[in-house]
């Protein structure tokens, strides 16, 4: 019987367990990642919101400052237009247009008389410069005289005849001393009278200048009458106002405390005063060069410069209109001085805070309107301290954030001449506001960003917690 073959069989056992694939990213992790990204977005948006809030506030400040600068410019222009119109109306009155022809002799004689009137002051200035050296020379001569007399007495003493010679020496010394001092006995004035009656010698005395000036003006006074008669007879000179006394009366009546005009003057085309009236003192003729330019320009109105009046302590604006004959030929100028105290009053009224203020500068950049009167009196120039001043003097306008005196400011500036190129001066009107005063500080902006971010993050945390709870319930974490 053949042997039986055995077949090896694997023992029966349980089937191996199936391992499910592991999760690389769980839903909880996804929710946490999304929550973190949203938190970053919330922080970034909070910072942007704070910046946008600051920019919107800055835009509002710019609008307000620009509106204030515009209103101030319009107010100043209205005031100057009123003064201009009053001057034009006054120049059209009948007595301002009536003229008469004059000759040349009176003008030249008046100029010569003016020179003769200034002669005493010029001579006195020259004599004043000579008095010091002359006094020194006089003292040296008197010292030499005393030393010479002492030496002469010593010589006669050695000869033994001093008693006989001393009276003669004393008399000679007294005569010489009196001659040196201009009086007897050596105790006279430093200078003799203008004319020494003993010798008819003209000396360098204080009265000499006045005497020579009077001597020079006497013949001129005698020629004044004939010169006027010749001028009336010939009448070949320039035209002049016919009745200067009537013009002076009308100008005096025209002045009022309620008006900006404080002084009115009629001048010829060379700037010489013919008639006028004033409430603030006569004008200094050293600053009339602009009038000659106005006469040559032949315009209907001329805006002059701003000059500071030391007596008043405030600036005055000068303006002029031509006086014309019937054929429209200009023969004189009617000038006026406008009190600019209203600019300081306007600057006080437009203050919005401790540092926010209005400033007005003239064509040179000199401050003529400011809440601080000391800057006006000091005639401070703002061209270097404020970058907006050169821009506004060139006719530019705008609102910018600039550093003025090292401090950030919002500056709104307007050019007055842009409203009327022919009638208004080239002044600049600026409104300045410190950035720290009109905008919240950087710390306040940070607090705003933190507050907005905290609110957003709180809402995000609440929502993410609810989402995580739902995910853990449905997916088992």
Protein backbone atom coordinates (compact mmCIF):
# COMPACT_ATOMS: atom_id res chain seq x y z
CA UNK A 1 0.00 0.00 0.00
CA UNK A 2 1.61 3.12 -1.06
CA UNK A 3 2.34 5.72 1.55
CA UNK A 4 -0.07 8.47 1.83
CA UNK A 5 1.06 11.98 0.79
CA UNK A 6 0.35 14.70 3.21
CA UNK A 7 -0.55 18.15 2.02
CA UNK A 8 0.58 21.02 4.23
CA UNK A 9 -2.17 23.45 4.92
CA UNK A 10 -1.94 26.73 6.68
CA UNK A 11 -3.74 26.78 9.91
CA UNK A 12 -7.03 28.61 9.76
CA UNK A 13 -7.04 32.00 11.59
CA UNK A 14 -8.75 35.38 11.68
CA UNK A 15 -8.46 37.71 8.66
CA UNK A 16 -6.10 40.77 9.14
CA UNK A 17 -7.78 44.13 10.06
CA UNK A 18 -8.05 46.88 7.41
CA UNK A 19 -6.25 50.12 8.59
CA UNK A 20 -8.05 53.25 7.30
CA UNK A 21 -5.92 56.08 5.74
CA UNK A 22 -4.76 58.70 8.32
CA UNK A 23 -6.02 62.40 8.00
CA UNK A 24 -3.22 64.80 7.09
CA UNK A 25 -5.21 68.01 8.00
CA UNK A 26 -8.12 67.78 10.38
CA UNK A 27 -11.10 70.15 10.20
CA UNK A 28 -10.10 71.68 13.51
CA UNK A 29 -6.70 72.68 12.13
CA UNK A 30 -8.35 74.18 9.07
CA UNK A 31 -10.66 76.27 11.24
CA UNK A 32 -7.74 77.43 13.39
CA UNK A 33 -5.66 78.41 10.34
CA UNK A 34 -8.57 80.35 8.87
CA UNK A 35 -9.13 82.03 12.23
CA UNK A 36 -5.48 83.12 12.41
CA UNK A 37 -5.56 84.54 8.88
CA UNK A 38 -8.75 86.43 9.64
CA UNK A 39 -7.13 87.81 12.80
CA UNK A 40 -4.22 89.18 10.73
CA UNK A 41 -6.67 90.67 8.27
CA UNK A 42 -8.58 92.32 11.13
CA UNK A 43 -5.36 93.83 12.55
CA UNK A 44 -4.32 95.11 9.12
CA UNK A 45 -7.76 96.59 8.50
CA UNK A 46 -7.73 98.24 11.95
CA UNK A 47 -4.45 99.97 11.13
CA UNK A 48 -5.84 101.06 7.77
CA UNK A 49 -9.01 102.31 9.45
CA UNK A 50 -6.96 104.43 11.86
CA UNK A 51 -4.94 105.86 8.98
CA UNK A 52 -8.05 106.52 6.94
CA UNK A 53 -9.67 108.24 9.93
CA UNK A 54 -6.63 110.50 10.30
CA UNK A 55 -6.62 111.28 6.56
CA UNK A 56 -10.33 112.10 6.60
CA UNK A 57 -9.81 114.40 9.57
CA UNK A 58 -6.86 116.04 7.77
CA UNK A 59 -9.03 116.54 4.67
CA UNK A 60 -11.69 118.20 6.82
CA UNK A 61 -9.08 120.49 8.38
CA UNK A 62 -7.79 121.41 4.92
CA UNK A 63 -11.30 122.28 3.79
CA UNK A 64 -11.94 124.44 6.85
CA UNK A 65 -8.60 126.24 6.59
CA UNK A 66 -9.09 126.80 2.88
CA UNK A 67 -12.56 128.23 3.50
CA UNK A 68 -11.22 130.56 6.21
CA UNK A 69 -8.38 131.74 3.94
CA UNK A 70 -10.86 132.38 1.11
CA UNK A 71 -13.25 134.33 3.33
CA UNK A 72 -10.38 136.36 4.81
CA UNK A 73 -9.08 137.16 1.33
CA UNK A 74 -12.52 138.26 0.18
CA UNK A 75 -12.94 140.44 3.28
CA UNK A 76 -9.60 142.16 2.79
CA UNK A 77 -10.32 142.67 -0.90
CA UNK A 78 -13.70 144.27 -0.12
CA UNK A 79 -12.08 146.69 2.31
CA UNK A 80 -9.39 147.72 -0.19
CA UNK A 81 -11.93 147.97 -3.00
CA UNK A 82 -13.95 150.36 -0.86
CA UNK A 83 -10.93 152.59 -0.30
CA UNK A 84 -10.10 152.47 -4.01
CA UNK A 85 -13.64 153.41 -5.06
CA UNK A 86 -13.72 156.29 -2.57
CA UNK A 87 -10.44 157.64 -3.96
CA UNK A 88 -11.67 157.34 -7.55
CA UNK A 89 -14.92 159.11 -6.70
CA UNK A 90 -13.01 161.92 -5.03
CA UNK A 91 -10.72 162.32 -8.05
CA UNK A 92 -13.74 162.91 -10.32
CA UNK A 93 -15.04 165.92 -8.38
CA UNK A 94 -15.10 169.17 -10.38
CA UNK A 95 -12.42 171.02 -8.39
CA UNK A 96 -10.05 168.10 -9.01
CA UNK A 97 -10.37 168.53 -12.78
CA UNK A 98 -10.08 172.32 -13.02
CA UNK A 99 -6.55 173.35 -13.96
CA UNK A 100 -4.51 176.42 -14.77
CA UNK A 101 -1.23 176.79 -16.57
CA UNK A 102 1.78 177.97 -14.62
CA UNK A 103 5.24 179.09 -15.58
CA UNK A 104 8.61 177.62 -14.75
CA UNK A 105 10.15 180.46 -12.74
CA UNK A 106 8.19 179.88 -9.55
CA UNK A 107 9.10 176.18 -9.49
CA UNK A 108 12.79 176.82 -9.95
CA UNK A 109 12.72 179.67 -7.46
CA UNK A 110 10.97 177.46 -4.92
CA UNK A 111 13.59 174.75 -5.42
CA UNK A 112 16.35 177.32 -4.93
CA UNK A 113 14.64 178.63 -1.79
CA UNK A 114 14.42 175.09 -0.44
CA UNK A 115 18.15 174.66 -1.01
CA UNK A 116 18.85 177.99 0.74
CA UNK A 117 16.66 176.95 3.67
CA UNK A 118 18.74 173.79 4.10
CA UNK A 119 22.01 175.75 3.92
CA UNK A 120 22.19 176.62 7.67
CA UNK A 121 21.89 172.97 8.67
CA UNK A 122 24.61 171.97 6.23
CA UNK A 123 26.94 174.72 7.40
CA UNK A 124 26.25 173.91 11.03
CA UNK A 125 27.11 170.26 10.41
CA UNK A 126 30.44 171.28 8.87
CA UNK A 127 31.21 173.74 11.67
CA UNK A 128 30.31 171.13 14.26
CA UNK A 129 32.97 168.87 12.82
CA UNK A 130 35.55 171.68 13.08
CA UNK A 131 34.79 172.73 16.65
CA UNK A 132 36.58 169.80 18.27
CA UNK A 133 39.93 170.29 16.50
CA UNK A 134 39.61 174.08 16.93
CA UNK A 135 39.12 173.76 20.69
CA UNK A 136 42.15 171.48 20.93
CA UNK A 137 44.24 173.94 18.94
CA UNK A 138 43.05 176.80 21.13
CA UNK A 139 44.09 174.97 24.30
CA UNK A 140 47.49 174.15 22.82
CA UNK A 141 48.05 177.80 21.86
CA UNK A 142 47.07 179.04 25.31
CA UNK A 143 49.43 176.52 26.91
CA UNK A 144 52.20 177.68 24.60
CA UNK A 145 51.42 181.30 25.45
CA UNK A 146 51.65 180.62 29.17
CA UNK A 147 54.92 178.72 28.76
CA UNK A 148 56.35 181.49 26.56
CA UNK A 149 55.35 184.17 29.09
CA UNK A 150 56.95 182.17 31.91
CA UNK A 151 60.17 181.77 29.91
CA UNK A 152 60.23 185.50 29.12
CA UNK A 153 59.83 186.39 32.79
CA UNK A 154 62.64 183.98 33.68
CA UNK A 155 64.94 185.64 31.12
CA UNK A 156 64.20 189.15 32.48
CA UNK A 157 64.68 187.84 36.00
CA UNK A 158 68.16 186.60 35.11
CA UNK A 159 68.93 190.07 33.69
CA UNK A 160 67.68 191.69 36.91
CA UNK A 161 65.03 193.86 35.19
CA UNK A 162 61.90 191.75 35.87
CA UNK A 163 60.19 194.50 37.90
CA UNK A 164 60.38 196.91 35.00
CA UNK A 165 59.38 194.39 32.31
CA UNK A 166 56.63 192.50 34.17
CA UNK A 167 53.79 195.03 33.49
CA UNK A 168 54.60 195.03 29.81
CA UNK A 169 54.72 191.21 29.73
CA UNK A 170 51.37 190.92 31.61
CA UNK A 171 49.61 193.35 29.25
CA UNK A 172 50.85 191.48 26.16
CA UNK A 173 49.86 188.11 27.64
CA UNK A 174 46.36 189.39 28.41
CA UNK A 175 45.88 190.74 24.88
CA UNK A 176 46.98 187.46 23.29
CA UNK A 177 44.85 185.35 25.66
CA UNK A 178 41.79 187.50 24.94
CA UNK A 179 42.33 187.18 21.21
CA UNK A 180 42.59 183.38 21.45
CA UNK A 181 39.43 183.01 23.54
CA UNK A 182 37.36 185.58 21.68
CA UNK A 183 36.85 187.82 24.71
CA UNK A 184 38.73 190.10 27.06
CA UNK A 185 40.77 188.66 29.84
CA UNK A 186 41.04 185.21 28.35
CA UNK A 187 37.63 184.07 29.67
CA UNK A 188 35.45 184.51 26.60
CA UNK A 189 33.51 181.99 24.50
CA UNK A 190 35.12 179.33 22.40
CA UNK A 191 34.36 181.36 19.28
CA UNK A 192 33.85 185.05 18.75
CA UNK A 193 30.54 186.41 17.41
CA UNK A 194 29.71 185.87 13.75
CA UNK A 195 31.22 189.30 13.00
CA UNK A 196 33.90 190.59 15.38
CA UNK A 197 33.13 194.32 15.90
CA UNK A 198 36.78 195.08 16.72
CA UNK A 199 38.20 193.61 13.54
CA UNK A 200 35.16 192.87 11.36
CA UNK A 201 36.47 189.33 11.12
CA UNK A 202 33.98 186.59 10.26
CA UNK A 203 34.48 183.74 12.73
CA UNK A 204 33.25 180.12 12.90
CA UNK A 205 30.35 180.62 15.31
CA UNK A 206 27.01 178.85 15.65
CA UNK A 207 25.25 182.01 14.46
CA UNK A 208 27.24 182.08 11.25
CA UNK A 209 25.22 179.30 9.62
CA UNK A 210 21.87 180.94 10.34
CA UNK A 211 23.18 184.35 9.23
CA UNK A 212 24.44 183.01 5.91
CA UNK A 213 21.18 181.15 5.32
CA UNK A 214 19.14 184.26 5.96
CA UNK A 215 21.46 186.29 3.76
CA UNK A 216 20.99 183.79 0.91
CA UNK A 217 17.17 183.73 1.18
CA UNK A 218 16.61 187.48 1.25
CA UNK A 219 17.08 188.08 -2.48
CA UNK A 220 15.00 185.00 -3.28
CA UNK A 221 12.09 186.39 -1.27
CA UNK A 222 12.29 189.59 -3.27
CA UNK A 223 12.18 187.68 -6.56
CA UNK A 224 9.11 185.60 -5.64
CA UNK A 225 6.59 188.30 -6.62
CA UNK A 226 8.07 189.12 -10.05
CA UNK A 227 8.43 185.41 -10.76
CA UNK A 228 4.74 184.81 -10.13
CA UNK A 229 3.77 187.73 -12.37
CA UNK A 230 5.95 186.40 -15.19
CA UNK A 231 4.53 182.91 -14.77
CA UNK A 232 0.97 184.21 -15.00
CA UNK A 233 1.81 186.34 -18.02
CA UNK A 234 3.65 183.64 -19.93
CA UNK A 235 1.74 180.57 -18.65
CA UNK A 236 3.88 178.10 -20.53
CA UNK A 237 4.51 175.69 -17.67
CA UNK A 238 2.71 172.52 -16.60
CA UNK A 239 -0.93 172.37 -15.57
CA UNK A 240 -1.76 172.67 -11.87
CA UNK A 241 -5.02 172.46 -9.90
CA UNK A 242 -6.84 175.77 -10.16
CA UNK A 243 -7.90 176.15 -6.49
CA UNK A 244 -5.63 174.37 -4.04
CA UNK A 245 -7.36 175.90 -1.00
CA UNK A 246 -10.73 174.48 -2.06
CA UNK A 247 -9.13 171.11 -2.72
CA UNK A 248 -7.56 171.11 0.75
CA UNK A 249 -10.95 171.87 2.33
CA UNK A 250 -12.66 169.07 0.40
CA UNK A 251 -9.94 166.59 1.32
CA UNK A 252 -10.24 167.51 5.02
CA UNK A 253 -14.03 167.02 4.93
CA UNK A 254 -13.63 163.67 3.16
CA UNK A 255 -11.64 162.09 5.98
CA UNK A 256 -13.59 160.10 8.56
CA UNK A 257 -12.70 157.93 11.52
CA UNK A 258 -14.93 155.16 10.16
CA UNK A 259 -13.01 154.88 6.91
CA UNK A 260 -9.74 153.12 6.23
CA UNK A 261 -8.23 156.18 4.50
CA UNK A 262 -6.32 158.32 6.99
CA UNK A 263 -4.50 160.75 4.70
CA UNK A 264 -5.21 162.39 1.32
CA UNK A 265 -2.67 164.36 -0.69
CA UNK A 266 -2.59 165.99 -4.11
CA UNK A 267 0.88 165.86 -5.67
CA UNK A 268 2.33 166.86 -8.99
CA UNK A 269 3.76 164.27 -11.35
CA UNK A 270 7.17 164.57 -9.68
CA UNK A 271 5.72 163.67 -6.27
CA UNK A 272 5.81 167.17 -4.72
CA UNK A 273 2.98 167.98 -2.34
CA UNK A 274 0.45 170.58 -3.53
CA UNK A 275 -2.42 170.18 -1.05
CA UNK A 276 -3.63 167.64 1.43
CA UNK A 277 -5.30 166.66 4.67
CA UNK A 278 -4.30 164.04 7.21
CA UNK A 279 -5.32 162.54 10.54
CA UNK A 280 -2.03 160.80 11.25
CA UNK A 281 0.71 163.32 10.43
CA UNK A 282 2.37 164.43 7.23
CA UNK A 283 3.98 161.94 4.91
CA UNK A 284 7.76 161.72 4.64
CA UNK A 285 8.81 162.75 1.14
CA UNK A 286 11.74 160.31 1.11
CA UNK A 287 9.39 157.48 0.16
CA UNK A 288 7.65 159.00 -2.88
CA UNK A 289 9.61 157.19 -5.60
CA UNK A 290 6.65 154.90 -6.28
CA UNK A 291 4.56 157.99 -7.18
CA UNK A 292 6.83 158.82 -10.10
CA UNK A 293 6.39 155.24 -11.34
CA UNK A 294 2.63 155.63 -10.97
CA UNK A 295 2.69 158.83 -13.01
CA UNK A 296 4.70 157.18 -15.78
CA UNK A 297 2.46 154.11 -15.82
CA UNK A 298 -0.59 156.24 -16.73
CA UNK A 299 -3.05 153.77 -15.21
CA UNK A 300 -6.45 154.47 -13.70
CA UNK A 301 -5.29 153.17 -10.30
CA UNK A 302 -1.93 152.36 -8.79
CA UNK A 303 -1.43 150.13 -5.77
CA UNK A 304 1.58 151.44 -3.90
CA UNK A 305 3.81 149.91 -1.24
CA UNK A 306 3.19 149.23 2.44
CA UNK A 307 5.29 151.46 4.72
CA UNK A 308 5.47 151.20 8.48
CA UNK A 309 4.62 154.36 10.39
CA UNK A 310 6.78 154.61 13.50
CA UNK A 311 4.48 157.16 15.12
CA UNK A 312 1.36 155.04 14.75
CA UNK A 313 3.09 151.72 15.32
CA UNK A 314 1.33 150.03 12.42
CA UNK A 315 1.68 149.74 8.62
CA UNK A 316 0.01 151.99 6.06
CA UNK A 317 -0.84 151.08 2.49
CA UNK A 318 -0.28 153.76 -0.18
CA UNK A 319 -2.38 154.11 -3.33
CA UNK A 320 -2.86 156.73 -6.02
CA UNK A 321 -5.18 157.72 -8.84
CA UNK A 322 -4.32 160.24 -11.57
CA UNK A 323 -6.02 163.61 -11.85
CA UNK A 324 -6.78 164.30 -15.51
CA UNK A 325 -7.59 167.34 -17.58
CA UNK A 326 -10.60 167.50 -19.87
CA UNK A 327 -8.59 165.83 -22.63
CA UNK A 328 -7.73 162.94 -20.24
CA UNK A 329 -4.11 164.04 -19.85
CA UNK A 330 -2.85 163.40 -16.30
CA UNK A 331 -1.50 166.49 -14.56
CA UNK A 332 -1.33 165.39 -10.90
CA UNK A 333 -1.84 162.46 -8.53
CA UNK A 334 -4.32 162.02 -5.71
CA UNK A 335 -2.64 159.77 -3.16
CA UNK A 336 -4.00 158.16 -0.01
CA UNK A 337 -2.70 156.25 2.96
CA UNK A 338 -4.83 153.37 4.22
CA UNK A 339 -4.62 152.27 7.84
CA UNK A 340 -4.03 148.50 7.98
CA UNK A 341 -5.00 148.09 11.62
CA UNK A 342 -8.06 146.16 10.44
CA UNK A 343 -5.78 143.30 9.38
CA UNK A 344 -4.73 142.66 12.99
CA UNK A 345 -8.39 142.82 14.06
CA UNK A 346 -9.30 140.31 11.36
CA UNK A 347 -6.46 138.01 12.48
CA UNK A 348 -7.80 138.11 16.06
CA UNK A 349 -11.33 137.24 14.96
CA UNK A 350 -10.29 134.24 12.83
CA UNK A 351 -8.37 132.39 15.53
CA UNK A 352 -9.68 128.81 15.91
CA UNK A 353 -7.35 127.69 18.68
CA UNK A 354 -4.22 128.44 20.61
CA UNK A 355 -1.92 128.10 17.61
CA UNK A 356 -4.26 128.51 14.63
CA UNK A 357 -4.05 132.03 13.26
CA UNK A 358 -4.25 134.27 10.20
CA UNK A 359 -1.19 136.01 8.79
CA UNK A 360 -0.97 138.65 6.04
CA UNK A 361 2.33 139.52 4.30
CA UNK A 362 3.14 142.26 1.80
CA UNK A 363 4.99 141.91 -1.51
CA UNK A 364 8.33 141.55 0.29
CA UNK A 365 7.13 138.91 2.76
CA UNK A 366 6.99 141.36 5.68
CA UNK A 367 4.20 140.61 8.16
CA UNK A 368 1.52 143.32 8.10
CA UNK A 369 -1.31 141.38 9.78
CA UNK A 370 -0.93 138.99 12.72
CA UNK A 371 -2.53 138.35 16.14
CA UNK A 372 0.85 139.11 17.74
CA UNK A 373 1.37 142.85 17.35
CA UNK A 374 5.08 142.51 18.19
CA UNK A 375 5.73 140.77 14.86
CA UNK A 376 4.09 143.66 12.99
CA UNK A 377 6.02 146.30 14.91
CA UNK A 378 9.30 144.40 14.37
CA UNK A 379 8.50 144.23 10.62
CA UNK A 380 9.45 140.55 10.66
CA UNK A 381 9.93 138.84 7.30
CA UNK A 382 8.30 135.39 7.06
CA UNK A 383 9.78 134.35 3.71
CA UNK A 384 12.45 132.09 5.20
CA UNK A 385 10.54 130.67 8.16
CA UNK A 386 7.44 129.71 6.16
CA UNK A 387 7.89 127.89 2.80
CA UNK A 388 4.37 128.89 1.74
CA UNK A 389 5.20 132.63 1.73
CA UNK A 390 7.43 132.57 -1.40
CA UNK A 391 4.81 130.44 -3.15
CA UNK A 392 1.91 132.77 -2.40
CA UNK A 393 3.94 135.83 -3.41
CA UNK A 394 4.35 134.20 -6.84
CA UNK A 395 0.57 133.88 -7.16
CA UNK A 396 0.22 130.23 -6.08
CA UNK A 397 -2.61 129.00 -3.87
CA UNK A 398 -3.33 125.80 -1.96
CA UNK A 399 -3.39 123.96 1.35
CA UNK A 400 -0.32 121.99 2.38
CA UNK A 401 1.24 120.32 5.40
CA UNK A 402 4.55 122.10 5.98
CA UNK A 403 7.10 122.57 8.73
CA UNK A 404 7.03 126.14 9.99
CA UNK A 405 9.66 126.91 12.58
CA UNK A 406 10.40 123.20 12.89
CA UNK A 407 6.76 122.38 13.80
CA UNK A 408 4.35 120.61 11.37
CA UNK A 409 1.53 122.92 10.30
CA UNK A 410 -1.38 122.88 7.92
CA UNK A 411 -1.02 126.06 5.85
CA UNK A 412 -3.76 127.43 3.61
CA UNK A 413 -2.58 130.34 1.45
CA UNK A 414 -4.29 132.65 -1.02
CA UNK A 415 -2.85 135.37 -3.29
CA UNK A 416 -4.80 138.62 -2.98
CA UNK A 417 -3.76 139.84 -6.43
CA UNK A 418 -5.47 136.87 -8.10
CA UNK A 419 -8.83 138.53 -7.38
CA UNK A 420 -7.91 141.67 -9.34
CA UNK A 421 -4.56 142.06 -11.07
CA UNK A 422 -4.94 145.82 -11.59
CA UNK A 423 -6.39 147.10 -8.33
CA UNK A 424 -5.07 144.89 -5.56
CA UNK A 425 -1.53 144.61 -4.17
CA UNK A 426 0.44 141.38 -4.30
CA UNK A 427 -0.12 140.42 -0.67
CA UNK A 428 -0.37 136.88 0.65
CA UNK A 429 -3.05 135.65 3.09
CA UNK A 430 -2.11 132.55 5.07
CA UNK A 431 -3.98 130.53 7.71
CA UNK A 432 -1.72 128.33 9.83
CA UNK A 433 -2.80 125.51 12.15
CA UNK A 434 -0.41 123.21 14.06
CA UNK A 435 -0.99 119.57 13.15
CA UNK A 436 -0.85 118.53 16.82
CA UNK A 437 -3.71 120.93 17.59
CA UNK A 438 -6.19 120.01 14.87
CA UNK A 439 -5.49 116.26 14.52
CA UNK A 440 -5.37 113.47 17.14
CA UNK A 441 -1.92 112.49 18.28
CA UNK A 442 -0.14 109.32 17.18
CA UNK A 443 -0.94 107.67 20.51
CA UNK A 444 -4.64 108.34 19.96
CA UNK A 445 -4.43 106.76 16.51
CA UNK A 446 -2.78 103.67 17.99
CA UNK A 447 -5.50 103.43 20.62
CA UNK A 448 -8.14 103.65 17.90
CA UNK A 449 -6.46 100.88 15.90
CA UNK A 450 -6.17 98.70 19.01
CA UNK A 451 -9.81 99.28 19.91
CA UNK A 452 -11.03 98.38 16.42
CA UNK A 453 -8.76 95.34 16.31
CA UNK A 454 -9.90 94.19 19.76
CA UNK A 455 -13.54 94.40 18.75
CA UNK A 456 -12.96 92.47 15.54
CA UNK A 457 -10.85 89.83 17.25
CA UNK A 458 -13.49 89.34 19.95
CA UNK A 459 -16.17 88.70 17.33
CA UNK A 460 -13.79 86.42 15.42
CA UNK A 461 -12.99 84.44 18.60
CA UNK A 462 -16.68 84.00 19.38
CA UNK A 463 -17.50 82.79 15.86
CA UNK A 464 -14.45 80.53 15.64
CA UNK A 465 -15.35 78.89 18.96
CA UNK A 466 -18.85 78.04 17.71
CA UNK A 467 -17.41 76.69 14.45
CA UNK A 468 -14.85 74.53 16.29
CA UNK A 469 -17.58 73.09 18.51
CA UNK A 470 -19.67 72.18 15.48
CA UNK A 471 -16.70 70.58 13.71
CA UNK A 472 -15.78 68.48 16.74
CA UNK A 473 -19.36 67.27 17.09
CA UNK A 474 -19.69 66.25 13.43
CA UNK A 475 -16.17 65.01 12.71
CA UNK A 476 -15.10 63.93 16.12
CA UNK A 477 -12.22 66.35 16.38
